[in-house]
């Protein structure tokens, strides 16, 4: 970073420190510093900055209300750290470095890295792909540290823990967050291991945000995760809220639970719990024991498409849909295009839902993994469909995944019950065909709307 950028960064941090005293007055000032730091080049996030500016200047906007609630509800030092590590490091600094390396090496460079510290879990949830892995695999502290050290050299400052249950390793994860205090960390968790002491650790490191998995209300959650789980998760959220810590919620929607977890009642409940964001994931038929009947119908998925967009426009919580938001990221983001996944055995999977690999961190550097045959095929093949509402090489384009695995020679990374790509993709063929006409109609309408907005 050159001297001018360092000066602007210091000004940005100083401007940020005054926001809490008067957000209405100081937030626009902060945006001016962000604009100066970002500049006006191709990696300046101009569209995102314009959208953010509209939000802060419109008190009636639901996202304005969400933003202002953060200042009221979250510890000020935590906000400052997340702002610096996520906005400045992971985006304004990290993204240009990633773009530089993408061009130099003609391969994908991720914006985030997902990793499983352990395959162990204190629960065994129905339909959970991680449950297939058993409970004997772990990345060592040094291996996690190496992944992050290498990642930062690539410009990656955002790390997401999956599992297993990552908080089985919570002492190590806090130590990693403390050591890499310039990074932003997030963990998907069942929430049952969050207690007062761990919340105090989160307050201490300030750069680690939990995302709690909740499958709806008590009956649905306990049916999938075990009796009493719902009460434990609600208690965890109460602790986090009391400690003024940010957290989100993760929901897997299926053909059986969608009516509950996509209702206005449930969104309002998440807001009341104190969640600032919710991330919806489409059920994936991964594993030999997966249940294809849990795949949402086309009508249900279309409902989620509209519901998430309505919530983003009306409620003070930021809602994301991993599958239906493909149109905002130009299709599949896996294979290192925006992220990839490292399991607890060290295998580098292109996606958290696609468990095939030709590389392991114990044998290759991250850069070597990103240049491996499988990851290079992802790079060369993306997008896998010009309709970004059909982004996935498995779920919506199953023949693509068969080809990727066959050409690369990748193997299943499930150590207990390896599943062939053909077996997995066969479960997706009918779904892909049924979703296609609905996706084509939604995509056509979306593109027409964009063209109309562009002419105004």
Protein backbone atom coordinates (compact mmCIF):
# COMPACT_ATOMS: atom_id res chain seq x y z
CA UNK A 1 0.00 0.00 0.00
CA UNK A 2 1.48 3.36 -1.00
CA UNK A 3 1.87 6.30 1.36
CA UNK A 4 -1.17 8.12 -0.02
CA UNK A 5 -3.39 5.08 0.53
CA UNK A 6 -2.03 4.69 4.05
CA UNK A 7 -2.97 8.30 4.81
CA UNK A 8 -6.44 7.85 3.36
CA UNK A 9 -6.88 4.63 5.33
CA UNK A 10 -5.99 6.42 8.56
CA UNK A 11 -8.46 9.15 7.66
CA UNK A 12 -11.07 6.50 6.98
CA UNK A 13 -10.51 4.89 10.37
CA UNK A 14 -10.63 8.29 12.08
CA UNK A 15 -13.86 9.22 10.32
CA UNK A 16 -15.33 5.87 11.30
CA UNK A 17 -14.54 6.47 14.98
CA UNK A 18 -16.88 9.48 15.01
CA UNK A 19 -19.91 7.72 13.50
CA UNK A 20 -21.32 6.37 16.75
CA UNK A 21 -21.53 9.86 18.19
CA UNK A 22 -23.85 11.06 15.42
CA UNK A 23 -24.52 8.54 12.60
CA UNK A 24 -26.89 10.87 10.71
CA UNK A 25 -24.20 13.52 10.44
CA UNK A 26 -21.07 11.40 10.18
CA UNK A 27 -22.08 8.49 7.95
CA UNK A 28 -22.05 10.67 4.78
CA UNK A 29 -18.59 11.92 5.81
CA UNK A 30 -17.40 8.35 6.12
CA UNK A 31 -18.64 7.62 2.60
CA UNK A 32 -16.49 10.45 1.27
CA UNK A 33 -13.42 8.77 2.80
CA UNK A 34 -14.49 5.41 1.37
CA UNK A 35 -14.81 7.06 -2.06
CA UNK A 36 -11.32 8.54 -1.77
CA UNK A 37 -9.83 5.21 -0.73
CA UNK A 38 -11.65 3.20 -3.43
CA UNK A 39 -10.83 5.61 -6.25
CA UNK A 40 -12.58 5.30 -9.59
CA UNK A 41 -10.90 2.31 -11.25
CA UNK A 42 -12.47 -1.00 -12.35
CA UNK A 43 -12.05 -2.48 -8.84
CA UNK A 44 -13.56 0.46 -6.95
CA UNK A 45 -16.99 -1.08 -6.17
CA UNK A 46 -18.73 1.96 -7.61
CA UNK A 47 -22.14 0.29 -7.94
CA UNK A 48 -22.04 -0.99 -4.37
CA UNK A 49 -20.93 2.40 -3.03
CA UNK A 50 -23.76 4.14 -4.88
CA UNK A 51 -26.29 1.70 -3.43
CA UNK A 52 -24.90 2.21 0.06
CA UNK A 53 -25.03 5.98 -0.35
CA UNK A 54 -28.72 5.81 -1.27
CA UNK A 55 -29.40 3.74 1.83
CA UNK A 56 -27.72 6.11 4.26
CA UNK A 57 -29.52 9.11 2.75
CA UNK A 58 -33.00 7.55 3.02
CA UNK A 59 -34.23 7.21 6.64
CA UNK A 60 -37.35 5.36 5.48
CA UNK A 61 -35.34 2.64 3.76
CA UNK A 62 -35.40 -0.70 5.61
CA UNK A 63 -31.66 -1.17 5.06
CA UNK A 64 -31.10 2.28 6.58
CA UNK A 65 -32.98 1.05 9.64
CA UNK A 66 -30.86 -2.11 9.71
CA UNK A 67 -27.66 -0.10 9.48
CA UNK A 68 -28.69 2.26 12.25
CA UNK A 69 -29.75 -0.69 14.42
CA UNK A 70 -26.19 -1.98 14.19
CA UNK A 71 -24.95 1.19 15.86
CA UNK A 72 -27.55 0.79 18.60
CA UNK A 73 -27.12 -2.96 19.19
CA UNK A 74 -23.48 -3.88 18.52
CA UNK A 75 -20.35 -3.14 20.52
CA UNK A 76 -18.58 -0.14 18.97
CA UNK A 77 -15.11 -1.72 18.95
CA UNK A 78 -16.48 -4.84 17.27
CA UNK A 79 -18.09 -2.69 14.57
CA UNK A 80 -14.81 -0.86 13.99
CA UNK A 81 -12.86 -4.10 13.65
CA UNK A 82 -15.36 -5.71 11.30
CA UNK A 83 -15.46 -2.50 9.25
CA UNK A 84 -11.69 -2.42 8.86
CA UNK A 85 -11.14 -6.15 8.27
CA UNK A 86 -14.12 -6.84 6.05
CA UNK A 87 -14.69 -3.60 4.14
CA UNK A 88 -11.13 -2.28 3.90
CA UNK A 89 -8.94 -5.40 3.99
CA UNK A 90 -11.16 -8.02 2.35
CA UNK A 91 -12.60 -5.71 -0.29
CA UNK A 92 -10.84 -2.41 -0.92
CA UNK A 93 -7.36 -3.89 -0.43
CA UNK A 94 -7.84 -7.61 -1.04
CA UNK A 95 -9.94 -7.48 -4.21
CA UNK A 96 -7.43 -5.52 -6.37
CA UNK A 97 -4.69 -7.96 -5.32
CA UNK A 98 -6.93 -10.91 -6.29
CA UNK A 99 -7.72 -9.34 -9.65
CA UNK A 100 -4.02 -8.80 -10.28
CA UNK A 101 -3.27 -12.48 -9.64
CA UNK A 102 -6.26 -13.67 -11.70
CA UNK A 103 -4.89 -11.83 -14.69
CA UNK A 104 -1.28 -12.89 -14.06
CA UNK A 105 -1.91 -16.62 -13.63
CA UNK A 106 -5.13 -17.05 -15.66
CA UNK A 107 -6.82 -18.95 -12.85
CA UNK A 108 -9.41 -18.34 -10.17
CA UNK A 109 -8.35 -16.50 -7.02
CA UNK A 110 -10.97 -16.64 -4.24
CA UNK A 111 -12.44 -13.77 -2.25
CA UNK A 112 -13.17 -16.11 0.66
CA UNK A 113 -11.94 -19.52 1.80
CA UNK A 114 -14.20 -22.00 3.58
CA UNK A 115 -12.56 -24.59 5.77
CA UNK A 116 -13.58 -27.36 8.16
CA UNK A 117 -11.47 -27.28 11.34
CA UNK A 118 -12.98 -30.66 12.28
CA UNK A 119 -15.42 -33.27 11.07
CA UNK A 120 -16.58 -33.81 14.65
CA UNK A 121 -20.02 -32.64 15.71
CA UNK A 122 -22.02 -32.85 18.92
CA UNK A 123 -25.23 -33.33 16.88
CA UNK A 124 -26.31 -35.59 14.03
CA UNK A 125 -28.81 -33.65 11.97
CA UNK A 126 -31.10 -35.23 9.41
CA UNK A 127 -29.99 -34.31 5.87
CA UNK A 128 -26.67 -32.74 6.90
CA UNK A 129 -23.93 -33.45 4.36
CA UNK A 130 -21.26 -32.98 7.06
CA UNK A 131 -22.70 -35.87 9.05
CA UNK A 132 -21.38 -38.19 6.33
CA UNK A 133 -17.79 -37.45 7.35
CA UNK A 134 -17.74 -39.00 10.79
CA UNK A 135 -15.84 -37.38 13.65
CA UNK A 136 -12.17 -38.28 13.36
CA UNK A 137 -10.75 -35.70 10.96
CA UNK A 138 -9.12 -32.42 11.94
CA UNK A 139 -6.99 -29.67 10.48
CA UNK A 140 -4.20 -28.87 12.89
CA UNK A 141 -3.72 -25.38 14.28
CA UNK A 142 -0.61 -24.98 12.13
CA UNK A 143 -2.48 -26.09 9.01
CA UNK A 144 -5.26 -23.55 9.58
CA UNK A 145 -2.63 -20.91 10.27
CA UNK A 146 -0.83 -21.80 7.03
CA UNK A 147 -4.02 -21.64 4.98
CA UNK A 148 -4.71 -18.12 6.24
CA UNK A 149 -1.09 -16.97 5.88
CA UNK A 150 -1.02 -18.20 2.27
CA UNK A 151 -4.48 -16.75 1.65
CA UNK A 152 -3.45 -13.27 2.74
CA UNK A 153 -0.61 -13.37 0.22
CA UNK A 154 -3.31 -13.87 -2.42
CA UNK A 155 -5.39 -10.98 -1.04
CA UNK A 156 -7.86 -13.14 0.89
CA UNK A 157 -8.92 -11.68 4.25
CA UNK A 158 -12.26 -13.44 4.75
CA UNK A 159 -12.46 -16.98 6.19
CA UNK A 160 -15.56 -19.04 6.90
CA UNK A 161 -15.60 -22.13 9.09
CA UNK A 162 -17.93 -25.03 8.30
CA UNK A 163 -17.94 -28.58 9.54
CA UNK A 164 -18.72 -30.73 11.41
CA UNK A 165 -19.31 -28.34 14.25
CA UNK A 166 -16.45 -25.81 14.14
CA UNK A 167 -16.91 -24.74 17.75
CA UNK A 168 -15.72 -28.14 18.90
CA UNK A 169 -12.40 -26.38 18.19
CA UNK A 170 -13.42 -22.99 19.56
CA UNK A 171 -10.22 -22.42 21.60
CA UNK A 172 -8.06 -22.87 18.51
CA UNK A 173 -10.38 -20.72 16.40
CA UNK A 174 -10.22 -17.86 18.89
CA UNK A 175 -6.42 -18.14 18.92
CA UNK A 176 -6.37 -18.01 15.10
CA UNK A 177 -8.64 -14.94 15.10
CA UNK A 178 -6.37 -13.26 17.60
CA UNK A 179 -3.23 -14.06 15.60
CA UNK A 180 -4.73 -12.94 12.28
CA UNK A 181 -6.38 -9.82 13.63
CA UNK A 182 -6.45 -8.24 10.16
CA UNK A 183 -8.91 -10.86 8.86
CA UNK A 184 -12.66 -11.31 9.16
CA UNK A 185 -13.85 -14.71 10.38
CA UNK A 186 -17.29 -16.27 10.27
CA UNK A 187 -18.45 -19.65 11.49
CA UNK A 188 -21.53 -21.69 10.70
CA UNK A 189 -22.54 -23.35 13.95
CA UNK A 190 -25.42 -25.24 15.49
CA UNK A 191 -25.11 -22.76 18.36
CA UNK A 192 -25.28 -25.26 21.20
CA UNK A 193 -21.65 -24.69 22.27
CA UNK A 194 -21.96 -20.90 22.60
CA UNK A 195 -21.78 -19.87 26.24
CA UNK A 196 -20.87 -16.77 28.27
CA UNK A 197 -17.14 -17.50 28.17
CA UNK A 198 -17.09 -17.94 24.40
CA UNK A 199 -19.09 -14.73 23.96
CA UNK A 200 -16.46 -12.94 26.04
CA UNK A 201 -13.79 -14.37 23.75
CA UNK A 202 -15.69 -13.02 20.74
CA UNK A 203 -15.76 -9.59 22.39
CA UNK A 204 -12.04 -9.85 22.97
CA UNK A 205 -10.98 -10.71 19.40
CA UNK A 206 -13.75 -8.63 17.71
CA UNK A 207 -13.29 -10.21 14.26
CA UNK A 208 -15.28 -13.44 14.56
CA UNK A 209 -19.02 -13.65 13.73
CA UNK A 210 -21.17 -16.73 14.38
CA UNK A 211 -23.95 -17.80 12.01
CA UNK A 212 -26.40 -20.04 13.84
CA UNK A 213 -28.28 -22.79 12.01
CA UNK A 214 -31.98 -22.72 12.82
CA UNK A 215 -34.54 -24.77 10.91
CA UNK A 216 -37.57 -22.69 11.85
CA UNK A 217 -39.46 -22.83 15.10
CA UNK A 218 -39.05 -25.33 17.92
CA UNK A 219 -40.85 -28.36 16.48
CA UNK A 220 -39.04 -28.26 13.11
CA UNK A 221 -35.63 -27.50 14.61
CA UNK A 222 -35.80 -30.25 17.21
CA UNK A 223 -37.15 -32.74 14.67
CA UNK A 224 -34.00 -32.31 12.57
CA UNK A 225 -31.39 -31.51 15.20
CA UNK A 226 -32.58 -33.28 18.33
CA UNK A 227 -34.89 -32.52 21.25
CA UNK A 228 -33.89 -29.43 23.23
CA UNK A 229 -31.68 -28.00 20.47
CA UNK A 230 -34.00 -25.09 19.75
CA UNK A 231 -33.93 -23.91 23.38
CA UNK A 232 -30.13 -24.09 23.43
CA UNK A 233 -29.84 -22.05 20.21
CA UNK A 234 -32.29 -19.41 21.45
CA UNK A 235 -30.25 -19.17 24.66
CA UNK A 236 -27.08 -18.71 22.59
CA UNK A 237 -28.69 -15.85 20.68
CA UNK A 238 -29.78 -14.25 23.95
CA UNK A 239 -26.19 -14.37 25.20
CA UNK A 240 -24.84 -12.85 21.97
CA UNK A 241 -27.47 -10.12 22.00
CA UNK A 242 -26.79 -9.28 25.65
CA UNK A 243 -23.06 -9.04 24.93
CA UNK A 244 -23.78 -6.72 21.96
CA UNK A 245 -22.23 -9.15 19.48
CA UNK A 246 -23.25 -9.45 15.82
CA UNK A 247 -24.60 -12.75 14.54
CA UNK A 248 -26.55 -14.17 11.64
CA UNK A 249 -28.77 -17.16 11.00
CA UNK A 250 -28.43 -19.98 8.47
CA UNK A 251 -31.47 -21.84 7.11
CA UNK A 252 -31.59 -24.87 4.83
CA UNK A 253 -34.87 -24.87 2.95
CA UNK A 254 -36.42 -28.11 1.79
CA UNK A 255 -39.72 -29.26 0.33
CA UNK A 256 -40.87 -29.95 3.90
CA UNK A 257 -39.95 -26.83 5.86
CA UNK A 258 -40.19 -23.94 3.40
CA UNK A 259 -43.63 -22.73 4.50
CA UNK A 260 -42.32 -22.25 8.02
CA UNK A 261 -38.86 -20.76 7.51
CA UNK A 262 -39.93 -18.41 4.72
CA UNK A 263 -42.92 -16.92 6.53
CA UNK A 264 -43.18 -13.30 7.64
CA UNK A 265 -43.63 -14.62 11.16
CA UNK A 266 -40.25 -16.32 11.00
CA UNK A 267 -38.44 -13.32 9.51
CA UNK A 268 -39.89 -11.14 12.26
CA UNK A 269 -38.75 -13.69 14.85
CA UNK A 270 -35.18 -13.61 13.52
CA UNK A 271 -35.19 -9.82 13.76
CA UNK A 272 -36.49 -10.04 17.32
CA UNK A 273 -33.76 -12.53 18.22
CA UNK A 274 -31.24 -9.90 17.11
CA UNK A 275 -29.91 -11.40 13.88
CA UNK A 276 -28.60 -8.85 11.38
CA UNK A 277 -28.52 -11.21 8.39
CA UNK A 278 -29.89 -14.57 7.30
CA UNK A 279 -28.39 -16.90 4.72
CA UNK A 280 -30.71 -19.39 3.03
CA UNK A 281 -29.32 -22.57 1.48
CA UNK A 282 -31.11 -24.85 -0.92
CA UNK A 283 -31.16 -28.51 0.15
CA UNK A 284 -28.57 -30.47 -1.85
CA UNK A 285 -28.88 -34.25 -2.36
CA UNK A 286 -25.26 -34.87 -1.38
CA UNK A 287 -24.21 -38.26 -0.01
CA UNK A 288 -25.30 -41.81 -0.65
CA UNK A 289 -28.01 -41.49 1.98
CA UNK A 290 -29.40 -38.15 0.74
CA UNK A 291 -33.15 -37.82 0.28
CA UNK A 292 -34.03 -36.34 -3.15
CA UNK A 293 -37.64 -35.91 -2.00
CA UNK A 294 -36.40 -33.05 0.19
CA UNK A 295 -35.46 -31.04 -2.90
CA UNK A 296 -37.80 -28.02 -3.20
CA UNK A 297 -40.28 -28.05 -6.06
CA UNK A 298 -39.93 -25.45 -8.83
CA UNK A 299 -42.91 -23.60 -7.36
CA UNK A 300 -41.29 -23.54 -3.93
CA UNK A 301 -37.97 -22.32 -5.27
CA UNK A 302 -39.70 -19.59 -7.28
CA UNK A 303 -41.51 -18.55 -4.12
CA UNK A 304 -38.13 -18.20 -2.36
CA UNK A 305 -36.79 -16.18 -5.29
CA UNK A 306 -39.52 -13.57 -4.82
CA UNK A 307 -39.65 -13.79 -1.03
CA UNK A 308 -35.97 -13.01 -0.48
CA UNK A 309 -36.16 -9.99 -2.77
CA UNK A 310 -39.28 -8.75 -0.99
CA UNK A 311 -37.61 -9.11 2.42
CA UNK A 312 -34.54 -7.20 1.24
CA UNK A 313 -36.84 -4.35 0.26
CA UNK A 314 -39.06 -4.31 3.35
CA UNK A 315 -37.49 -5.74 6.52
CA UNK A 316 -34.48 -4.63 8.62
CA UNK A 317 -32.50 -7.82 8.10
CA UNK A 318 -30.22 -8.66 5.18
CA UNK A 319 -31.41 -11.88 3.51
CA UNK A 320 -29.33 -13.91 1.05
CA UNK A 321 -30.14 -17.04 -0.94
CA UNK A 322 -27.04 -19.00 -1.98
CA UNK A 323 -28.74 -20.53 -5.01
CA UNK A 324 -31.29 -17.94 -6.13
CA UNK A 325 -28.88 -14.99 -5.88
CA UNK A 326 -26.68 -16.37 -8.64
CA UNK A 327 -27.80 -13.55 -10.91
CA UNK A 328 -25.96 -11.03 -8.73
CA UNK A 329 -22.62 -12.84 -8.94
CA UNK A 330 -22.80 -14.02 -12.57
CA UNK A 331 -23.43 -17.67 -11.79
CA UNK A 332 -21.38 -20.28 -9.96
CA UNK A 333 -18.91 -18.83 -7.44
CA UNK A 334 -17.15 -22.11 -6.59
CA UNK A 335 -13.85 -23.54 -7.76
CA UNK A 336 -12.05 -20.50 -6.38
CA UNK A 337 -13.95 -18.00 -8.52
CA UNK A 338 -15.13 -16.39 -5.29
CA UNK A 339 -14.51 -19.22 -2.84
CA UNK A 340 -13.51 -22.85 -2.39
CA UNK A 341 -13.69 -25.35 0.43
CA UNK A 342 -11.05 -27.26 2.38
CA UNK A 343 -12.36 -30.21 4.37
CA UNK A 344 -11.04 -31.56 7.67
CA UNK A 345 -8.85 -34.05 5.79
CA UNK A 346 -7.13 -31.24 3.89
CA UNK A 347 -8.86 -31.99 0.58
CA UNK A 348 -9.62 -28.93 -1.55
CA UNK A 349 -13.19 -29.21 -2.82
CA UNK A 350 -14.40 -26.68 -5.41
CA UNK A 351 -17.61 -26.19 -3.40
CA UNK A 352 -18.88 -26.91 0.08
CA UNK A 353 -21.59 -29.02 -1.58
CA UNK A 354 -19.42 -30.78 -4.18
CA UNK A 355 -17.06 -33.25 -2.55
CA UNK A 356 -14.58 -34.13 -5.27
CA UNK A 357 -10.94 -33.16 -5.32
CA UNK A 358 -7.61 -33.64 -7.04
CA UNK A 359 -5.58 -31.69 -4.47
CA UNK A 360 -4.78 -31.60 -0.76
CA UNK A 361 -3.24 -28.79 1.30
CA UNK A 362 -0.78 -31.28 2.79
CA UNK A 363 0.69 -31.81 -0.66
CA UNK A 364 0.16 -28.50 -2.49
CA UNK A 365 0.18 -24.77 -1.83
CA UNK A 366 -3.04 -22.83 -2.29
CA UNK A 367 -1.77 -21.43 -5.58
CA UNK A 368 -0.95 -24.92 -6.84
CA UNK A 369 -4.45 -26.05 -5.88
CA UNK A 370 -6.02 -23.16 -7.78
CA UNK A 371 -4.00 -24.20 -10.85
CA UNK A 372 -4.88 -27.90 -10.53
CA UNK A 373 -6.82 -29.62 -13.35
CA UNK A 374 -10.17 -29.57 -11.49
CA UNK A 375 -9.97 -25.92 -10.48
CA UNK A 376 -8.71 -24.91 -13.91
CA UNK A 377 -11.70 -26.66 -15.49
CA UNK A 378 -13.95 -24.63 -13.20
CA UNK A 379 -12.17 -21.46 -14.27
CA UNK A 380 -12.46 -22.26 -17.96
CA UNK A 381 -16.07 -23.47 -17.74
CA UNK A 382 -17.67 -20.69 -15.70
CA UNK A 383 -20.40 -19.65 -16.02
CA UNK A 384 -21.82 -23.13 -16.49
CA UNK A 385 -25.05 -21.64 -17.80
CA UNK A 386 -25.83 -18.25 -19.32
CA UNK A 387 -28.94 -18.22 -17.15
CA UNK A 388 -27.49 -17.38 -13.74
CA UNK A 389 -30.59 -18.77 -12.03
CA UNK A 390 -29.24 -22.14 -13.17
CA UNK A 391 -25.68 -21.65 -11.91
CA UNK A 392 -24.59 -24.97 -10.40
CA UNK A 393 -22.72 -27.68 -12.35
CA UNK A 394 -24.39 -30.25 -10.09
CA UNK A 395 -27.93 -29.16 -9.25
CA UNK A 396 -29.02 -27.44 -12.47
CA UNK A 397 -26.42 -28.72 -14.96
CA UNK A 398 -25.55 -32.22 -13.76
CA UNK A 399 -23.80 -33.26 -16.97
CA UNK A 400 -21.28 -30.47 -16.33
CA UNK A 401 -20.18 -31.98 -13.03
CA UNK A 402 -19.86 -35.45 -14.57
CA UNK A 403 -17.53 -33.90 -17.15
CA UNK A 404 -15.49 -31.92 -14.62
CA UNK A 405 -14.84 -34.96 -12.45
CA UNK A 406 -14.09 -37.26 -15.37
CA UNK A 407 -11.69 -34.89 -17.13
CA UNK A 408 -9.79 -33.92 -13.97
CA UNK A 409 -9.60 -37.40 -12.48
CA UNK A 410 -10.96 -36.01 -9.20
CA UNK A 411 -11.98 -38.46 -6.49
CA UNK A 412 -14.73 -38.42 -3.88
CA UNK A 413 -13.55 -36.85 -0.63
CA UNK A 414 -16.12 -38.61 1.54
CA UNK A 415 -13.93 -40.92 3.68
CA UNK A 416 -16.79 -43.11 4.90
CA UNK A 417 -19.12 -43.62 1.96
CA UNK A 418 -17.61 -42.33 -1.30
CA UNK A 419 -20.23 -41.30 -3.82
CA UNK A 420 -19.60 -41.38 -7.54
CA UNK A 421 -20.31 -38.27 -9.57
CA UNK A 422 -22.77 -40.26 -11.66
CA UNK A 423 -24.73 -41.33 -8.58
CA UNK A 424 -24.89 -37.75 -7.33
CA UNK A 425 -25.77 -36.22 -10.68
CA UNK A 426 -28.44 -38.82 -11.43
CA UNK A 427 -30.34 -37.49 -8.42
CA UNK A 428 -30.33 -34.00 -9.95
CA UNK A 429 -31.44 -34.73 -13.52
CA UNK A 430 -35.21 -34.59 -12.93
CA UNK A 431 -34.83 -31.55 -10.68
CA UNK A 432 -32.78 -29.69 -13.31
CA UNK A 433 -35.33 -30.37 -16.04
CA UNK A 434 -38.27 -29.35 -13.85
CA UNK A 435 -36.59 -26.12 -12.74
CA UNK A 436 -35.44 -25.09 -16.22
CA UNK A 437 -38.70 -23.57 -17.61
CA UNK A 438 -39.34 -21.68 -14.38
CA UNK A 439 -35.76 -20.39 -14.31
CA UNK A 440 -35.95 -19.33 -17.96
CA UNK A 441 -39.07 -17.30 -17.30
CA UNK A 442 -37.64 -15.64 -14.17
CA UNK A 443 -34.37 -14.88 -15.97
CA UNK A 444 -36.16 -13.34 -18.94
CA UNK A 445 -38.25 -11.11 -16.68
CA UNK A 446 -35.18 -10.08 -14.68
CA UNK A 447 -33.22 -9.12 -17.80
CA UNK A 448 -36.16 -7.14 -19.21
CA UNK A 449 -36.45 -5.24 -15.95
CA UNK A 450 -32.74 -4.40 -16.00
CA UNK A 451 -33.00 -3.14 -19.57
CA UNK A 452 -36.00 -0.96 -18.66
CA UNK A 453 -34.19 0.48 -15.65
CA UNK A 454 -31.15 1.17 -17.81
CA UNK A 455 -33.18 3.31 -20.20
CA UNK A 456 -34.65 5.52 -17.49
